[in-house]
mmCIF file of all heavy atoms, coordinates in Angstrom:
data_MODEL
# 
_entry.id   MODEL 
# 
loop_
_atom_site.group_PDB 
_atom_site.id 
_atom_site.type_symbol 
_atom_site.label_atom_id 
_atom_site.label_alt_id 
_atom_site.label_comp_id 
_atom_site.label_asym_id 
_atom_site.label_entity_id 
_atom_site.label_seq_id 
_atom_site.pdbx_PDB_ins_code 
_atom_site.Cartn_x 
_atom_site.Cartn_y 
_atom_site.Cartn_z 
_atom_site.occupancy 
_atom_site.B_iso_or_equiv 
_atom_site.pdbx_formal_charge 
_atom_site.auth_seq_id 
_atom_site.auth_comp_id 
_atom_site.auth_asym_id 
_atom_site.auth_atom_id 
_atom_site.pdbx_PDB_model_num 
ATOM 1   N N   . LYS A 1 1  ? -72.669 33.091 -37.445 1.00 0.00 ? 1  LYS A N   1 
ATOM 2   C CA  . LYS A 1 1  ? -71.547 32.459 -38.147 1.00 0.00 ? 1  LYS A CA  1 
ATOM 3   C C   . LYS A 1 1  ? -70.223 33.111 -37.743 1.00 0.00 ? 1  LYS A C   1 
ATOM 4   O O   . LYS A 1 1  ? -69.229 32.421 -37.530 1.00 0.00 ? 1  LYS A O   1 
ATOM 5   C CB  . LYS A 1 1  ? -71.732 32.570 -39.665 1.00 0.00 ? 1  LYS A CB  1 
ATOM 6   C CG  . LYS A 1 1  ? -72.651 31.536 -40.250 1.00 0.00 ? 1  LYS A CG  1 
ATOM 7   C CD  . LYS A 1 1  ? -72.658 31.654 -41.764 1.00 0.00 ? 1  LYS A CD  1 
ATOM 8   C CE  . LYS A 1 1  ? -73.474 30.561 -42.390 1.00 0.00 ? 1  LYS A CE  1 
ATOM 9   N NZ  . LYS A 1 1  ? -73.474 30.656 -43.859 1.00 0.00 ? 1  LYS A NZ  1 
ATOM 10  N N   . GLU A 1 2  ? -70.228 34.425 -37.658 1.00 0.00 ? 2  GLU A N   1 
ATOM 11  C CA  . GLU A 1 2  ? -69.003 35.141 -37.264 1.00 0.00 ? 2  GLU A CA  1 
ATOM 12  C C   . GLU A 1 2  ? -68.621 34.793 -35.829 1.00 0.00 ? 2  GLU A C   1 
ATOM 13  O O   . GLU A 1 2  ? -67.445 34.568 -35.525 1.00 0.00 ? 2  GLU A O   1 
ATOM 14  C CB  . GLU A 1 2  ? -69.200 36.655 -37.419 1.00 0.00 ? 2  GLU A CB  1 
ATOM 15  C CG  . GLU A 1 2  ? -67.956 37.459 -37.152 1.00 0.00 ? 2  GLU A CG  1 
ATOM 16  C CD  . GLU A 1 2  ? -66.820 37.121 -38.097 1.00 0.00 ? 2  GLU A CD  1 
ATOM 17  O OE1 . GLU A 1 2  ? -67.065 36.832 -39.271 1.00 0.00 ? 2  GLU A OE1 1 
ATOM 18  O OE2 . GLU A 1 2  ? -65.655 37.147 -37.634 1.00 0.00 ? 2  GLU A OE2 1 
ATOM 19  N N   . ALA A 1 3  ? -69.598 34.716 -34.940 1.00 0.00 ? 3  ALA A N   1 
ATOM 20  C CA  . ALA A 1 3  ? -69.318 34.342 -33.554 1.00 0.00 ? 3  ALA A CA  1 
ATOM 21  C C   . ALA A 1 3  ? -68.783 32.916 -33.490 1.00 0.00 ? 3  ALA A C   1 
ATOM 22  O O   . ALA A 1 3  ? -67.852 32.624 -32.721 1.00 0.00 ? 3  ALA A O   1 
ATOM 23  C CB  . ALA A 1 3  ? -70.581 34.465 -32.703 1.00 0.00 ? 3  ALA A CB  1 
ATOM 24  N N   . ASN A 1 4  ? -69.331 32.023 -34.310 1.00 0.00 ? 4  ASN A N   1 
ATOM 25  C CA  . ASN A 1 4  ? -68.858 30.637 -34.347 1.00 0.00 ? 4  ASN A CA  1 
ATOM 26  C C   . ASN A 1 4  ? -67.407 30.575 -34.823 1.00 0.00 ? 4  ASN A C   1 
ATOM 27  O O   . ASN A 1 4  ? -66.588 29.865 -34.234 1.00 0.00 ? 4  ASN A O   1 
ATOM 28  C CB  . ASN A 1 4  ? -69.755 29.797 -35.258 1.00 0.00 ? 4  ASN A CB  1 
ATOM 29  C CG  . ASN A 1 4  ? -69.450 28.328 -35.160 1.00 0.00 ? 4  ASN A CG  1 
ATOM 30  O OD1 . ASN A 1 4  ? -69.138 27.818 -34.096 1.00 0.00 ? 4  ASN A OD1 1 
ATOM 31  N ND2 . ASN A 1 4  ? -69.527 27.646 -36.287 1.00 0.00 ? 4  ASN A ND2 1 
ATOM 32  N N   . ARG A 1 5  ? -67.090 31.326 -35.873 1.00 0.00 ? 5  ARG A N   1 
ATOM 33  C CA  . ARG A 1 5  ? -65.700 31.366 -36.353 1.00 0.00 ? 5  ARG A CA  1 
ATOM 34  C C   . ARG A 1 5  ? -64.767 31.881 -35.271 1.00 0.00 ? 5  ARG A C   1 
ATOM 35  O O   . ARG A 1 5  ? -63.687 31.338 -35.054 1.00 0.00 ? 5  ARG A O   1 
ATOM 36  C CB  . ARG A 1 5  ? -65.592 32.256 -37.599 1.00 0.00 ? 5  ARG A CB  1 
ATOM 37  C CG  . ARG A 1 5  ? -65.915 31.545 -38.867 1.00 0.00 ? 5  ARG A CG  1 
ATOM 38  C CD  . ARG A 1 5  ? -65.580 32.398 -40.094 1.00 0.00 ? 5  ARG A CD  1 
ATOM 39  N NE  . ARG A 1 5  ? -66.786 32.408 -40.903 1.00 0.00 ? 5  ARG A NE  1 
ATOM 40  C CZ  . ARG A 1 5  ? -67.506 33.484 -41.189 1.00 0.00 ? 5  ARG A CZ  1 
ATOM 41  N NH1 . ARG A 1 5  ? -67.135 34.659 -40.779 1.00 0.00 ? 5  ARG A NH1 1 
ATOM 42  N NH2 . ARG A 1 5  ? -68.592 33.389 -41.910 1.00 0.00 ? 5  ARG A NH2 1 
ATOM 43  N N   . SER A 1 6  ? -65.196 32.915 -34.590 1.00 0.00 ? 6  SER A N   1 
ATOM 44  C CA  . SER A 1 6  ? -64.380 33.490 -33.515 1.00 0.00 ? 6  SER A CA  1 
ATOM 45  C C   . SER A 1 6  ? -64.152 32.470 -32.401 1.00 0.00 ? 6  SER A C   1 
ATOM 46  O O   . SER A 1 6  ? -63.039 32.326 -31.884 1.00 0.00 ? 6  SER A O   1 
ATOM 47  C CB  . SER A 1 6  ? -65.070 34.739 -32.964 1.00 0.00 ? 6  SER A CB  1 
ATOM 48  O OG  . SER A 1 6  ? -64.394 35.215 -31.843 1.00 0.00 ? 6  SER A OG  1 
ATOM 49  N N   . LEU A 1 7  ? -65.205 31.742 -32.041 1.00 0.00 ? 7  LEU A N   1 
ATOM 50  C CA  . LEU A 1 7  ? -65.074 30.729 -30.992 1.00 0.00 ? 7  LEU A CA  1 
ATOM 51  C C   . LEU A 1 7  ? -64.183 29.564 -31.427 1.00 0.00 ? 7  LEU A C   1 
ATOM 52  O O   . LEU A 1 7  ? -63.430 29.011 -30.614 1.00 0.00 ? 7  LEU A O   1 
ATOM 53  C CB  . LEU A 1 7  ? -66.451 30.221 -30.576 1.00 0.00 ? 7  LEU A CB  1 
ATOM 54  C CG  . LEU A 1 7  ? -67.305 31.229 -29.800 1.00 0.00 ? 7  LEU A CG  1 
ATOM 55  C CD1 . LEU A 1 7  ? -68.712 30.685 -29.624 1.00 0.00 ? 7  LEU A CD1 1 
ATOM 56  C CD2 . LEU A 1 7  ? -66.680 31.562 -28.476 1.00 0.00 ? 7  LEU A CD2 1 
ATOM 57  N N   . LEU A 1 8  ? -64.248 29.192 -32.688 1.00 0.00 ? 8  LEU A N   1 
ATOM 58  C CA  . LEU A 1 8  ? -63.377 28.132 -33.199 1.00 0.00 ? 8  LEU A CA  1 
ATOM 59  C C   . LEU A 1 8  ? -61.910 28.550 -33.134 1.00 0.00 ? 8  LEU A C   1 
ATOM 60  O O   . LEU A 1 8  ? -61.046 27.754 -32.750 1.00 0.00 ? 8  LEU A O   1 
ATOM 61  C CB  . LEU A 1 8  ? -63.760 27.757 -34.632 1.00 0.00 ? 8  LEU A CB  1 
ATOM 62  C CG  . LEU A 1 8  ? -65.050 26.965 -34.800 1.00 0.00 ? 8  LEU A CG  1 
ATOM 63  C CD1 . LEU A 1 8  ? -65.392 26.795 -36.274 1.00 0.00 ? 8  LEU A CD1 1 
ATOM 64  C CD2 . LEU A 1 8  ? -64.934 25.611 -34.120 1.00 0.00 ? 8  LEU A CD2 1 
ATOM 65  N N   . VAL A 1 9  ? -61.623 29.796 -33.490 1.00 0.00 ? 9  VAL A N   1 
ATOM 66  C CA  . VAL A 1 9  ? -60.254 30.304 -33.412 1.00 0.00 ? 9  VAL A CA  1 
ATOM 67  C C   . VAL A 1 9  ? -59.794 30.332 -31.968 1.00 0.00 ? 9  VAL A C   1 
ATOM 68  O O   . VAL A 1 9  ? -58.668 29.913 -31.645 1.00 0.00 ? 9  VAL A O   1 
ATOM 69  C CB  . VAL A 1 9  ? -60.156 31.708 -34.058 1.00 0.00 ? 9  VAL A CB  1 
ATOM 70  C CG1 . VAL A 1 9  ? -58.834 32.374 -33.742 1.00 0.00 ? 9  VAL A CG1 1 
ATOM 71  C CG2 . VAL A 1 9  ? -60.363 31.609 -35.559 1.00 0.00 ? 9  VAL A CG2 1 
ATOM 72  N N   . GLU A 1 10 ? -60.651 30.805 -31.083 1.00 0.00 ? 10 GLU A N   1 
ATOM 73  C CA  . GLU A 1 10 ? -60.294 30.850 -29.665 1.00 0.00 ? 10 GLU A CA  1 
ATOM 74  C C   . GLU A 1 10 ? -60.059 29.441 -29.120 1.00 0.00 ? 10 GLU A C   1 
ATOM 75  O O   . GLU A 1 10 ? -59.112 29.204 -28.367 1.00 0.00 ? 10 GLU A O   1 
ATOM 76  C CB  . GLU A 1 10 ? -61.402 31.542 -28.872 1.00 0.00 ? 10 GLU A CB  1 
ATOM 77  C CG  . GLU A 1 10 ? -61.070 31.722 -27.413 1.00 0.00 ? 10 GLU A CG  1 
ATOM 78  C CD  . GLU A 1 10 ? -62.173 32.423 -26.640 1.00 0.00 ? 10 GLU A CD  1 
ATOM 79  O OE1 . GLU A 1 10 ? -63.154 32.879 -27.256 1.00 0.00 ? 10 GLU A OE1 1 
ATOM 80  O OE2 . GLU A 1 10 ? -62.041 32.511 -25.405 1.00 0.00 ? 10 GLU A OE2 1 
ATOM 81  N N   . SER A 1 11 ? -60.893 28.494 -29.516 1.00 0.00 ? 11 SER A N   1 
ATOM 82  C CA  . SER A 1 11 ? -60.729 27.107 -29.069 1.00 0.00 ? 11 SER A CA  1 
ATOM 83  C C   . SER A 1 11 ? -59.408 26.528 -29.555 1.00 0.00 ? 11 SER A C   1 
ATOM 84  O O   . SER A 1 11 ? -58.682 25.868 -28.805 1.00 0.00 ? 11 SER A O   1 
ATOM 85  C CB  . SER A 1 11 ? -61.899 26.266 -29.590 1.00 0.00 ? 11 SER A CB  1 
ATOM 86  O OG  . SER A 1 11 ? -61.691 24.911 -29.315 1.00 0.00 ? 11 SER A OG  1 
ATOM 87  N N   . ALA A 1 12 ? -59.089 26.780 -30.815 1.00 0.00 ? 12 ALA A N   1 
ATOM 88  C CA  . ALA A 1 12 ? -57.826 26.280 -31.365 1.00 0.00 ? 12 ALA A CA  1 
ATOM 89  C C   . ALA A 1 12 ? -56.637 26.913 -30.642 1.00 0.00 ? 12 ALA A C   1 
ATOM 90  O O   . ALA A 1 12 ? -55.635 26.245 -30.365 1.00 0.00 ? 12 ALA A O   1 
ATOM 91  C CB  . ALA A 1 12 ? -57.753 26.568 -32.862 1.00 0.00 ? 12 ALA A CB  1 
ATOM 92  N N   . THR A 1 13 ? -56.750 28.181 -30.312 1.00 0.00 ? 13 THR A N   1 
ATOM 93  C CA  . THR A 1 13 ? -55.677 28.865 -29.590 1.00 0.00 ? 13 THR A CA  1 
ATOM 94  C C   . THR A 1 13 ? -55.504 28.274 -28.200 1.00 0.00 ? 13 THR A C   1 
ATOM 95  O O   . THR A 1 13 ? -54.373 28.036 -27.748 1.00 0.00 ? 13 THR A O   1 
ATOM 96  C CB  . THR A 1 13 ? -55.983 30.374 -29.481 1.00 0.00 ? 13 THR A CB  1 
ATOM 97  O OG1 . THR A 1 13 ? -56.183 30.897 -30.795 1.00 0.00 ? 13 THR A OG1 1 
ATOM 98  C CG2 . THR A 1 13 ? -54.868 31.119 -28.802 1.00 0.00 ? 13 THR A CG2 1 
ATOM 99  N N   . LEU A 1 14 ? -56.617 28.030 -27.519 1.00 0.00 ? 14 LEU A N   1 
ATOM 100 C CA  . LEU A 1 14 ? -56.531 27.490 -26.160 1.00 0.00 ? 14 LEU A CA  1 
ATOM 101 C C   . LEU A 1 14 ? -55.997 26.059 -26.147 1.00 0.00 ? 14 LEU A C   1 
ATOM 102 O O   . LEU A 1 14 ? -55.382 25.636 -25.171 1.00 0.00 ? 14 LEU A O   1 
ATOM 103 C CB  . LEU A 1 14 ? -57.899 27.539 -25.480 1.00 0.00 ? 14 LEU A CB  1 
ATOM 104 C CG  . LEU A 1 14 ? -58.430 28.939 -25.179 1.00 0.00 ? 14 LEU A CG  1 
ATOM 105 C CD1 . LEU A 1 14 ? -59.860 28.854 -24.662 1.00 0.00 ? 14 LEU A CD1 1 
ATOM 106 C CD2 . LEU A 1 14 ? -57.540 29.656 -24.186 1.00 0.00 ? 14 LEU A CD2 1 
ATOM 107 N N   . LYS A 1 15 ? -56.220 25.308 -27.210 1.00 0.00 ? 15 LYS A N   1 
ATOM 108 C CA  . LYS A 1 15 ? -55.781 23.923 -27.266 1.00 0.00 ? 15 LYS A CA  1 
ATOM 109 C C   . LYS A 1 15 ? -54.374 23.758 -27.864 1.00 0.00 ? 15 LYS A C   1 
ATOM 110 O O   . LYS A 1 15 ? -53.889 22.635 -27.959 1.00 0.00 ? 15 LYS A O   1 
ATOM 111 C CB  . LYS A 1 15 ? -56.753 23.092 -28.111 1.00 0.00 ? 15 LYS A CB  1 
ATOM 112 C CG  . LYS A 1 15 ? -58.097 22.894 -27.489 1.00 0.00 ? 15 LYS A CG  1 
ATOM 113 C CD  . LYS A 1 15 ? -58.975 22.076 -28.434 1.00 0.00 ? 15 LYS A CD  1 
ATOM 114 C CE  . LYS A 1 15 ? -60.361 21.886 -27.886 1.00 0.00 ? 15 LYS A CE  1 
ATOM 115 N NZ  . LYS A 1 15 ? -61.216 21.128 -28.824 1.00 0.00 ? 15 LYS A NZ  1 
ATOM 116 N N   . SER A 1 16 ? -53.757 24.835 -28.277 1.00 0.00 ? 16 SER A N   1 
ATOM 117 C CA  . SER A 1 16 ? -52.479 24.728 -28.979 1.00 0.00 ? 16 SER A CA  1 
ATOM 118 C C   . SER A 1 16 ? -51.398 24.121 -28.080 1.00 0.00 ? 16 SER A C   1 
ATOM 119 O O   . SER A 1 16 ? -51.342 24.386 -26.869 1.00 0.00 ? 16 SER A O   1 
ATOM 120 C CB  . SER A 1 16 ? -52.027 26.092 -29.489 1.00 0.00 ? 16 SER A CB  1 
ATOM 121 O OG  . SER A 1 16 ? -51.597 26.892 -28.414 1.00 0.00 ? 16 SER A OG  1 
ATOM 122 N N   . PRO A 1 17 ? -50.526 23.292 -28.649 1.00 0.00 ? 17 PRO A N   1 
ATOM 123 C CA  . PRO A 1 17 ? -49.457 22.673 -27.869 1.00 0.00 ? 17 PRO A CA  1 
ATOM 124 C C   . PRO A 1 17 ? -48.504 23.704 -27.240 1.00 0.00 ? 17 PRO A C   1 
ATOM 125 O O   . PRO A 1 17 ? -48.026 23.501 -26.129 1.00 0.00 ? 17 PRO A O   1 
ATOM 126 C CB  . PRO A 1 17 ? -48.719 21.809 -28.893 1.00 0.00 ? 17 PRO A CB  1 
ATOM 127 C CG  . PRO A 1 17 ? -49.699 21.581 -29.995 1.00 0.00 ? 17 PRO A CG  1 
ATOM 128 C CD  . PRO A 1 17 ? -50.578 22.772 -30.002 1.00 0.00 ? 17 PRO A CD  1 
ATOM 129 N N   . GLN A 1 18 ? -48.249 24.794 -27.919 1.00 0.00 ? 18 GLN A N   1 
ATOM 130 C CA  . GLN A 1 18 ? -47.374 25.828 -27.373 1.00 0.00 ? 18 GLN A CA  1 
ATOM 131 C C   . GLN A 1 18 ? -47.960 26.411 -26.090 1.00 0.00 ? 18 GLN A C   1 
ATOM 132 O O   . GLN A 1 18 ? -47.259 26.629 -25.107 1.00 0.00 ? 18 GLN A O   1 
ATOM 133 C CB  . GLN A 1 18 ? -47.131 26.958 -28.396 1.00 0.00 ? 18 GLN A CB  1 
ATOM 134 C CG  . GLN A 1 18 ? -46.372 26.553 -29.627 1.00 0.00 ? 18 GLN A CG  1 
ATOM 135 C CD  . GLN A 1 18 ? -47.274 25.978 -30.707 1.00 0.00 ? 18 GLN A CD  1 
ATOM 136 O OE1 . GLN A 1 18 ? -48.498 25.951 -30.567 1.00 0.00 ? 18 GLN A OE1 1 
ATOM 137 N NE2 . GLN A 1 18 ? -46.672 25.474 -31.775 1.00 0.00 ? 18 GLN A NE2 1 
ATOM 138 N N   . ARG A 1 19 ? -49.255 26.660 -26.112 1.00 0.00 ? 19 ARG A N   1 
ATOM 139 C CA  . ARG A 1 19 ? -49.907 27.209 -24.923 1.00 0.00 ? 19 ARG A CA  1 
ATOM 140 C C   . ARG A 1 19 ? -49.877 26.189 -23.781 1.00 0.00 ? 19 ARG A C   1 
ATOM 141 O O   . ARG A 1 19 ? -49.621 26.538 -22.625 1.00 0.00 ? 19 ARG A O   1 
ATOM 142 C CB  . ARG A 1 19 ? -51.358 27.588 -25.239 1.00 0.00 ? 19 ARG A CB  1 
ATOM 143 C CG  . ARG A 1 19 ? -52.059 28.227 -24.052 1.00 0.00 ? 19 ARG A CG  1 
ATOM 144 C CD  . ARG A 1 19 ? -53.442 28.719 -24.456 1.00 0.00 ? 19 ARG A CD  1 
ATOM 145 N NE  . ARG A 1 19 ? -54.133 29.262 -23.302 1.00 0.00 ? 19 ARG A NE  1 
ATOM 146 C CZ  . ARG A 1 19 ? -54.797 28.525 -22.399 1.00 0.00 ? 19 ARG A CZ  1 
ATOM 147 N NH1 . ARG A 1 19 ? -54.870 27.229 -22.529 1.00 0.00 ? 19 ARG A NH1 1 
ATOM 148 N NH2 . ARG A 1 19 ? -55.379 29.099 -21.361 1.00 0.00 ? 19 ARG A NH2 1 
ATOM 149 N N   . MET A 1 20 ? -50.157 24.934 -24.106 1.00 0.00 ? 20 MET A N   1 
ATOM 150 C CA  . MET A 1 20 ? -50.130 23.887 -23.078 1.00 0.00 ? 20 MET A CA  1 
ATOM 151 C C   . MET A 1 20 ? -48.736 23.781 -22.458 1.00 0.00 ? 20 MET A C   1 
ATOM 152 O O   . MET A 1 20 ? -48.598 23.643 -21.234 1.00 0.00 ? 20 MET A O   1 
ATOM 153 C CB  . MET A 1 20 ? -50.532 22.538 -23.682 1.00 0.00 ? 20 MET A CB  1 
ATOM 154 C CG  . MET A 1 20 ? -51.949 22.490 -24.166 1.00 0.00 ? 20 MET A CG  1 
ATOM 155 S SD  . MET A 1 20 ? -53.065 22.539 -22.777 1.00 0.00 ? 20 MET A SD  1 
ATOM 156 C CE  . MET A 1 20 ? -54.597 22.256 -23.588 1.00 0.00 ? 20 MET A CE  1 
ATOM 157 N N   . ALA A 1 21 ? -47.712 23.857 -23.294 1.00 0.00 ? 21 ALA A N   1 
ATOM 158 C CA  . ALA A 1 21 ? -46.332 23.777 -22.793 1.00 0.00 ? 21 ALA A CA  1 
ATOM 159 C C   . ALA A 1 21 ? -46.031 24.968 -21.893 1.00 0.00 ? 21 ALA A C   1 
ATOM 160 O O   . ALA A 1 21 ? -45.392 24.824 -20.830 1.00 0.00 ? 21 ALA A O   1 
ATOM 161 C CB  . ALA A 1 21 ? -45.354 23.727 -23.957 1.00 0.00 ? 21 ALA A CB  1 
ATOM 162 N N   . GLN A 1 22 ? -46.506 26.134 -22.278 1.00 0.00 ? 22 GLN A N   1 
ATOM 163 C CA  . GLN A 1 22 ? -46.267 27.331 -21.475 1.00 0.00 ? 22 GLN A CA  1 
ATOM 164 C C   . GLN A 1 22 ? -46.960 27.211 -20.119 1.00 0.00 ? 22 GLN A C   1 
ATOM 165 O O   . GLN A 1 22 ? -46.384 27.534 -19.077 1.00 0.00 ? 22 GLN A O   1 
ATOM 166 C CB  . GLN A 1 22 ? -46.774 28.563 -22.228 1.00 0.00 ? 22 GLN A CB  1 
ATOM 167 C CG  . GLN A 1 22 ? -46.548 29.869 -21.504 1.00 0.00 ? 22 GLN A CG  1 
ATOM 168 C CD  . GLN A 1 22 ? -47.165 31.037 -22.259 1.00 0.00 ? 22 GLN A CD  1 
ATOM 169 O OE1 . GLN A 1 22 ? -47.963 30.845 -23.165 1.00 0.00 ? 22 GLN A OE1 1 
ATOM 170 N NE2 . GLN A 1 22 ? -46.783 32.234 -21.873 1.00 0.00 ? 22 GLN A NE2 1 
ATOM 171 N N   . ILE A 1 23 ? -48.200 26.734 -20.096 1.00 0.00 ? 23 ILE A N   1 
ATOM 172 C CA  . ILE A 1 23 ? -48.933 26.571 -18.831 1.00 0.00 ? 23 ILE A CA  1 
ATOM 173 C C   . ILE A 1 23 ? -48.264 25.519 -17.964 1.00 0.00 ? 23 ILE A C   1 
ATOM 174 O O   . ILE A 1 23 ? -48.115 25.695 -16.742 1.00 0.00 ? 23 ILE A O   1 
ATOM 175 C CB  . ILE A 1 23 ? -50.414 26.203 -19.111 1.00 0.00 ? 23 ILE A CB  1 
ATOM 176 C CG1 . ILE A 1 23 ? -51.139 27.391 -19.737 1.00 0.00 ? 23 ILE A CG1 1 
ATOM 177 C CG2 . ILE A 1 23 ? -51.120 25.780 -17.836 1.00 0.00 ? 23 ILE A CG2 1 
ATOM 178 C CD1 . ILE A 1 23 ? -52.540 27.079 -20.204 1.00 0.00 ? 23 ILE A CD1 1 
ATOM 179 N N   . ALA A 1 24 ? -47.823 24.417 -18.583 1.00 0.00 ? 24 ALA A N   1 
ATOM 180 C CA  . ALA A 1 24 ? -47.137 23.373 -17.822 1.00 0.00 ? 24 ALA A CA  1 
ATOM 181 C C   . ALA A 1 24 ? -45.854 23.917 -17.212 1.00 0.00 ? 24 ALA A C   1 
ATOM 182 O O   . ALA A 1 24 ? -45.519 23.609 -16.056 1.00 0.00 ? 24 ALA A O   1 
ATOM 183 C CB  . ALA A 1 24 ? -46.834 22.186 -18.733 1.00 0.00 ? 24 ALA A CB  1 
ATOM 184 N N   . LYS A 1 25 ? -45.144 24.726 -17.948 1.00 0.00 ? 25 LYS A N   1 
ATOM 185 C CA  . LYS A 1 25 ? -43.901 25.322 -17.440 1.00 0.00 ? 25 LYS A CA  1 
ATOM 186 C C   . LYS A 1 25 ? -44.198 26.248 -16.261 1.00 0.00 ? 25 LYS A C   1 
ATOM 187 O O   . LYS A 1 25 ? -43.478 26.244 -15.261 1.00 0.00 ? 25 LYS A O   1 
ATOM 188 C CB  . LYS A 1 25 ? -43.200 26.090 -18.570 1.00 0.00 ? 25 LYS A CB  1 
ATOM 189 C CG  . LYS A 1 25 ? -41.823 26.561 -18.236 1.00 0.00 ? 25 LYS A CG  1 
ATOM 190 C CD  . LYS A 1 25 ? -41.187 27.209 -19.457 1.00 0.00 ? 25 LYS A CD  1 
ATOM 191 C CE  . LYS A 1 25 ? -39.769 27.637 -19.148 1.00 0.00 ? 25 LYS A CE  1 
ATOM 192 N NZ  . LYS A 1 25 ? -39.136 28.290 -20.295 1.00 0.00 ? 25 LYS A NZ  1 
ATOM 193 N N   . GLN A 1 26 ? -45.281 27.027 -16.361 1.00 0.00 ? 26 GLN A N   1 
ATOM 194 C CA  . GLN A 1 26 ? -45.659 27.931 -15.266 1.00 0.00 ? 26 GLN A CA  1 
ATOM 195 C C   . GLN A 1 26 ? -46.042 27.153 -14.013 1.00 0.00 ? 26 GLN A C   1 
ATOM 196 O O   . GLN A 1 26 ? -45.835 27.618 -12.894 1.00 0.00 ? 26 GLN A O   1 
ATOM 197 C CB  . GLN A 1 26 ? -46.832 28.826 -15.691 1.00 0.00 ? 26 GLN A CB  1 
ATOM 198 C CG  . GLN A 1 26 ? -46.471 29.884 -16.695 1.00 0.00 ? 26 GLN A CG  1 
ATOM 199 C CD  . GLN A 1 26 ? -47.701 30.631 -17.196 1.00 0.00 ? 26 GLN A CD  1 
ATOM 200 O OE1 . GLN A 1 26 ? -48.825 30.294 -16.850 1.00 0.00 ? 26 GLN A OE1 1 
ATOM 201 N NE2 . GLN A 1 26 ? -47.477 31.634 -18.029 1.00 0.00 ? 26 GLN A NE2 1 
ATOM 202 N N   . MET A 1 27 ? -46.582 25.951 -14.198 1.00 0.00 ? 27 MET A N   1 
ATOM 203 C CA  . MET A 1 27 ? -46.994 25.136 -13.060 1.00 0.00 ? 27 MET A CA  1 
ATOM 204 C C   . MET A 1 27 ? -45.832 24.303 -12.505 1.00 0.00 ? 27 MET A C   1 
ATOM 205 O O   . MET A 1 27 ? -45.993 23.578 -11.526 1.00 0.00 ? 27 MET A O   1 
ATOM 206 C CB  . MET A 1 27 ? -48.139 24.200 -13.476 1.00 0.00 ? 27 MET A CB  1 
ATOM 207 C CG  . MET A 1 27 ? -49.416 24.949 -13.827 1.00 0.00 ? 27 MET A CG  1 
ATOM 208 S SD  . MET A 1 27 ? -50.703 23.865 -14.438 1.00 0.00 ? 27 MET A SD  1 
ATOM 209 C CE  . MET A 1 27 ? -51.131 22.972 -12.961 1.00 0.00 ? 27 MET A CE  1 
ATOM 210 N N   . GLY A 1 28 ? -44.674 24.400 -13.148 1.00 0.00 ? 28 GLY A N   1 
ATOM 211 C CA  . GLY A 1 28 ? -43.513 23.673 -12.671 1.00 0.00 ? 28 GLY A CA  1 
ATOM 212 C C   . GLY A 1 28 ? -43.413 22.264 -13.194 1.00 0.00 ? 28 GLY A C   1 
ATOM 213 O O   . GLY A 1 28 ? -42.657 21.447 -12.666 1.00 0.00 ? 28 GLY A O   1 
# 
């Protein structure tokens, strides 16, 4: 259960719009 919670948080972090915008900016 703890590993699942951790993975859900990591998934939400990776999918966040701020992160996507930052990666898009790095790619030009």
